[in-house]
């Protein structure tokens, strides 16, 4: 699953959405956050 926006970006990948990260990891998946400043944020969960 991938969710993205066109906001300001700059979200640190290791600090974003800890509860969601825990849930995805609990079922053997992975979660990544790509959020360069000025370009929006994309969150990808692979389960």
PDB file of N, CA and C in Angstrom:
ATOM      1  N   UNK A   1       0.847  -1.143   0.000  1.00  0.00           N
ATOM      2  CA  UNK A   1       0.000   0.000   0.000  1.00  0.00           C
ATOM      3  C   UNK A   1       0.904   1.220   0.000  1.00  0.00           C
ATOM      4  N   UNK A   2       0.499   2.236  -0.735  1.00  0.00           N
ATOM      5  CA  UNK A   2       1.274   3.473  -0.751  1.00  0.00           C
ATOM      6  C   UNK A   2       0.326   4.647  -0.625  1.00  0.00           C
ATOM      7  N   UNK A   3       0.701   5.589   0.237  1.00  0.00           N
ATOM      8  CA  UNK A   3      -0.072   6.806   0.448  1.00  0.00           C
ATOM      9  C   UNK A   3       0.883   7.974   0.297  1.00  0.00           C
ATOM     10  N   UNK A   4       0.473   8.992  -0.458  1.00  0.00           N
ATOM     11  CA  UNK A   4       1.348  10.148  -0.623  1.00  0.00           C
ATOM     12  C   UNK A   4       0.538  11.437  -0.592  1.00  0.00           C
ATOM     13  N   UNK A   5       1.255  12.531  -0.334  1.00  0.00           N
ATOM     14  CA  UNK A   5       0.631  13.848  -0.366  1.00  0.00           C
ATOM     15  C   UNK A   5       1.582  14.818  -1.063  1.00  0.00           C
ATOM     16  N   UNK A   6       1.119  16.027  -1.258  1.00  0.00           N
ATOM     17  CA  UNK A   6       1.937  17.046  -1.914  1.00  0.00           C
ATOM     18  C   UNK A   6       2.273  18.177  -0.949  1.00  0.00           C
ATOM     19  N   UNK A   7       2.416  17.824   0.323  1.00  0.00           N
ATOM     20  CA  UNK A   7       2.716  18.813   1.360  1.00  0.00           C
ATOM     21  C   UNK A   7       4.160  19.279   1.331  1.00  0.00           C
ATOM     22  N   UNK A   8       4.633  19.764   2.466  1.00  0.00           N
ATOM     23  CA  UNK A   8       5.970  20.358   2.549  1.00  0.00           C
ATOM     24  C   UNK A   8       7.080  19.334   2.762  1.00  0.00           C
ATOM     25  N   UNK A   9       6.737  18.092   3.095  1.00  0.00           N
ATOM     26  CA  UNK A   9       7.753  17.062   3.306  1.00  0.00           C
ATOM     27  C   UNK A   9       8.602  17.342   4.530  1.00  0.00           C
ATOM     28  N   UNK A  10       9.749  16.684   4.597  1.00  0.00           N
ATOM     29  CA  UNK A  10      10.668  16.898   5.703  1.00  0.00           C
ATOM     30  C   UNK A  10      10.402  16.057   6.933  1.00  0.00           C
ATOM     31  N   UNK A  11       9.537  15.044   6.827  1.00  0.00           N
ATOM     32  CA  UNK A  11       9.260  14.166   7.963  1.00  0.00           C
ATOM     33  C   UNK A  11      10.425  13.187   8.107  1.00  0.00           C
ATOM     34  N   UNK A  12      11.045  13.115   9.290  1.00  0.00           N
ATOM     35  CA  UNK A  12      12.125  12.134   9.465  1.00  0.00           C
ATOM     36  C   UNK A  12      11.559  10.717   9.446  1.00  0.00           C
ATOM     37  N   UNK A  13      12.124   9.836   8.644  1.00  0.00           N
ATOM     38  CA  UNK A  13      11.612   8.484   8.463  1.00  0.00           C
ATOM     39  C   UNK A  13      11.559   7.667   9.729  1.00  0.00           C
ATOM     40  N   UNK A  14      12.495   7.864  10.644  1.00  0.00           N
ATOM     41  CA  UNK A  14      12.517   7.061  11.857  1.00  0.00           C
ATOM     42  C   UNK A  14      11.626   7.614  12.961  1.00  0.00           C
ATOM     43  N   UNK A  15      11.027   8.779  12.749  1.00  0.00           N
ATOM     44  CA  UNK A  15      10.190   9.384  13.784  1.00  0.00           C
ATOM     45  C   UNK A  15       8.710   9.387  13.416  1.00  0.00           C
ATOM     46  N   UNK A  16       8.401   9.013  12.202  1.00  0.00           N
ATOM     47  CA  UNK A  16       7.023   9.123  11.736  1.00  0.00           C
ATOM     48  C   UNK A  16       6.230   7.847  12.000  1.00  0.00           C
ATOM     49  N   UNK A  17       5.029   7.999  12.521  1.00  0.00           N
ATOM     50  CA  UNK A  17       4.057   6.925  12.650  1.00  0.00           C
ATOM     51  C   UNK A  17       4.539   5.672  13.376  1.00  0.00           C
ATOM     52  N   UNK A  18       5.039   5.801  14.577  1.00  0.00           N
ATOM     53  CA  UNK A  18       5.563   4.617  15.283  1.00  0.00           C
ATOM     54  C   UNK A  18       4.508   3.535  15.509  1.00  0.00           C
ATOM     55  N   UNK A  19       3.272   3.892  15.765  1.00  0.00           N
ATOM     56  CA  UNK A  19       2.240   2.870  15.989  1.00  0.00           C
ATOM     57  C   UNK A  19       1.973   2.083  14.716  1.00  0.00           C
ATOM     58  N   UNK A  20       1.919   2.760  13.575  1.00  0.00           N
ATOM     59  CA  UNK A  20       1.702   2.068  12.311  1.00  0.00           C
ATOM     60  C   UNK A  20       2.895   1.175  11.982  1.00  0.00           C
ATOM     61  N   UNK A  21       4.092   1.668  12.208  1.00  0.00           N
ATOM     62  CA  UNK A  21       5.296   0.873  11.975  1.00  0.00           C
ATOM     63  C   UNK A  21       5.265  -0.400  12.801  1.00  0.00           C
ATOM     64  N   UNK A  22       4.922  -0.287  14.076  1.00  0.00           N
ATOM     65  CA  UNK A  22       4.841  -1.468  14.948  1.00  0.00           C
ATOM     66  C   UNK A  22       3.842  -2.492  14.427  1.00  0.00           C
ATOM     67  N   UNK A  23       2.697  -2.030  13.957  1.00  0.00           N
ATOM     68  CA  UNK A  23       1.666  -2.946  13.465  1.00  0.00           C
ATOM     69  C   UNK A  23       2.108  -3.667  12.196  1.00  0.00           C
ATOM     70  N   UNK A  24       2.729  -2.931  11.288  1.00  0.00           N
ATOM     71  CA  UNK A  24       3.189  -3.540  10.048  1.00  0.00           C
ATOM     72  C   UNK A  24       4.299  -4.552  10.330  1.00  0.00           C
ATOM     73  N   UNK A  25       5.238  -4.207  11.196  1.00  0.00           N
ATOM     74  CA  UNK A  25       6.321  -5.123  11.539  1.00  0.00           C
ATOM     75  C   UNK A  25       5.796  -6.375  12.241  1.00  0.00           C
ATOM     76  N   UNK A  26       4.731  -6.233  13.025  1.00  0.00           N
ATOM     77  CA  UNK A  26       4.174  -7.361  13.768  1.00  0.00           C
ATOM     78  C   UNK A  26       3.654  -8.465  12.849  1.00  0.00           C
ATOM     79  N   UNK A  27       3.288  -8.112  11.618  1.00  0.00           N
ATOM     80  CA  UNK A  27       2.801  -9.124  10.673  1.00  0.00           C
ATOM     81  C   UNK A  27       3.856  -9.458   9.615  1.00  0.00           C
ATOM     82  N   UNK A  28       5.107  -9.099   9.891  1.00  0.00           N
ATOM     83  CA  UNK A  28       6.205  -9.457   9.006  1.00  0.00           C
ATOM     84  C   UNK A  28       6.414  -8.526   7.830  1.00  0.00           C
ATOM     85  N   UNK A  29       5.831  -7.351   7.875  1.00  0.00           N
ATOM     86  CA  UNK A  29       5.955  -6.410   6.769  1.00  0.00           C
ATOM     87  C   UNK A  29       7.024  -5.356   6.998  1.00  0.00           C
ATOM     88  N   UNK A  30       7.035  -4.378   6.118  1.00  0.00           N
ATOM     89  CA  UNK A  30       7.965  -3.258   6.251  1.00  0.00           C
ATOM     90  C   UNK A  30       7.244  -1.962   5.933  1.00  0.00           C
ATOM     91  N   UNK A  31       7.727  -0.886   6.519  1.00  0.00           N
ATOM     92  CA  UNK A  31       7.140   0.435   6.304  1.00  0.00           C
ATOM     93  C   UNK A  31       8.268   1.407   6.033  1.00  0.00           C
ATOM     94  N   UNK A  32       8.149   2.165   4.962  1.00  0.00           N
ATOM     95  CA  UNK A  32       9.138   3.190   4.662  1.00  0.00           C
ATOM     96  C   UNK A  32       8.453   4.537   4.500  1.00  0.00           C
ATOM     97  N   UNK A  33       9.182   5.578   4.864  1.00  0.00           N
ATOM     98  CA  UNK A  33       8.705   6.946   4.710  1.00  0.00           C
ATOM     99  C   UNK A  33       9.730   7.691   3.879  1.00  0.00           C
ATOM    100  N   UNK A  34       9.273   8.253   2.771  1.00  0.00           N
ATOM    101  CA  UNK A  34      10.133   9.058   1.902  1.00  0.00           C
ATOM    102  C   UNK A  34       9.560  10.465   1.920  1.00  0.00           C
ATOM    103  N   UNK A  35      10.333  11.425   2.452  1.00  0.00           N
ATOM    104  CA  UNK A  35       9.790  12.754   2.663  1.00  0.00           C
ATOM    105  C   UNK A  35      10.858  13.844   2.525  1.00  0.00           C
ATOM    106  N   UNK A  36      11.406  14.013   1.323  1.00  0.00           N
ATOM    107  CA  UNK A  36      12.389  15.088   1.148  1.00  0.00           C
ATOM    108  C   UNK A  36      11.725  16.451   1.361  1.00  0.00           C
ATOM    109  N   UNK A  37      12.419  17.383   1.978  1.00  0.00           N
ATOM    110  CA  UNK A  37      11.845  18.717   2.186  1.00  0.00           C
ATOM    111  C   UNK A  37      11.375  19.344   0.875  1.00  0.00           C
ATOM    112  N   UNK A  38      10.165  19.883   0.922  1.00  0.00           N
ATOM    113  CA  UNK A  38       9.619  20.606  -0.223  1.00  0.00           C
ATOM    114  C   UNK A  38       8.953  19.746  -1.276  1.00  0.00           C
ATOM    115  N   UNK A  39       8.845  18.427  -1.077  1.00  0.00           N
ATOM    116  CA  UNK A  39       8.295  17.574  -2.138  1.00  0.00           C
ATOM    117  C   UNK A  39       7.156  16.675  -1.699  1.00  0.00           C
ATOM    118  N   UNK A  40       6.652  16.798  -0.508  1.00  0.00           N
ATOM    119  CA  UNK A  40       5.593  15.913  -0.051  1.00  0.00           C
ATOM    120  C   UNK A  40       6.140  14.682   0.647  1.00  0.00           C
ATOM    121  N   UNK A  41       5.227  13.799   1.034  1.00  0.00           N
ATOM    122  CA  UNK A  41       5.588  12.604   1.784  1.00  0.00           C
ATOM    123  C   UNK A  41       4.925  11.392   1.153  1.00  0.00           C
ATOM    124  N   UNK A  42       5.673  10.299   1.044  1.00  0.00           N
ATOM    125  CA  UNK A  42       5.135   9.021   0.587  1.00  0.00           C
ATOM    126  C   UNK A  42       5.426   7.965   1.636  1.00  0.00           C
ATOM    127  N   UNK A  43       4.393   7.277   2.078  1.00  0.00           N
ATOM    128  CA  UNK A  43       4.528   6.186   3.038  1.00  0.00           C
ATOM    129  C   UNK A  43       4.160   4.900   2.311  1.00  0.00           C
ATOM    130  N   UNK A  44       5.061   3.911   2.384  1.00  0.00           N
ATOM    131  CA  UNK A  44       4.843   2.641   1.700  1.00  0.00           C
ATOM    132  C   UNK A  44       4.875   1.512   2.726  1.00  0.00           C
ATOM    133  N   UNK A  45       3.808   0.708   2.734  1.00  0.00           N
ATOM    134  CA  UNK A  45       3.754  -0.475   3.599  1.00  0.00           C
ATOM    135  C   UNK A  45       3.684  -1.695   2.700  1.00  0.00           C
ATOM    136  N   UNK A  46       4.576  -2.667   2.972  1.00  0.00           N
ATOM    137  CA  UNK A  46       4.587  -3.935   2.247  1.00  0.00           C
ATOM    138  C   UNK A  46       4.326  -5.031   3.266  1.00  0.00           C
ATOM    139  N   UNK A  47       3.287  -5.817   3.010  1.00  0.00           N
ATOM    140  CA  UNK A  47       2.937  -6.900   3.935  1.00  0.00           C
ATOM    141  C   UNK A  47       2.895  -8.193   3.150  1.00  0.00           C
TER     142      UNK A  47
END
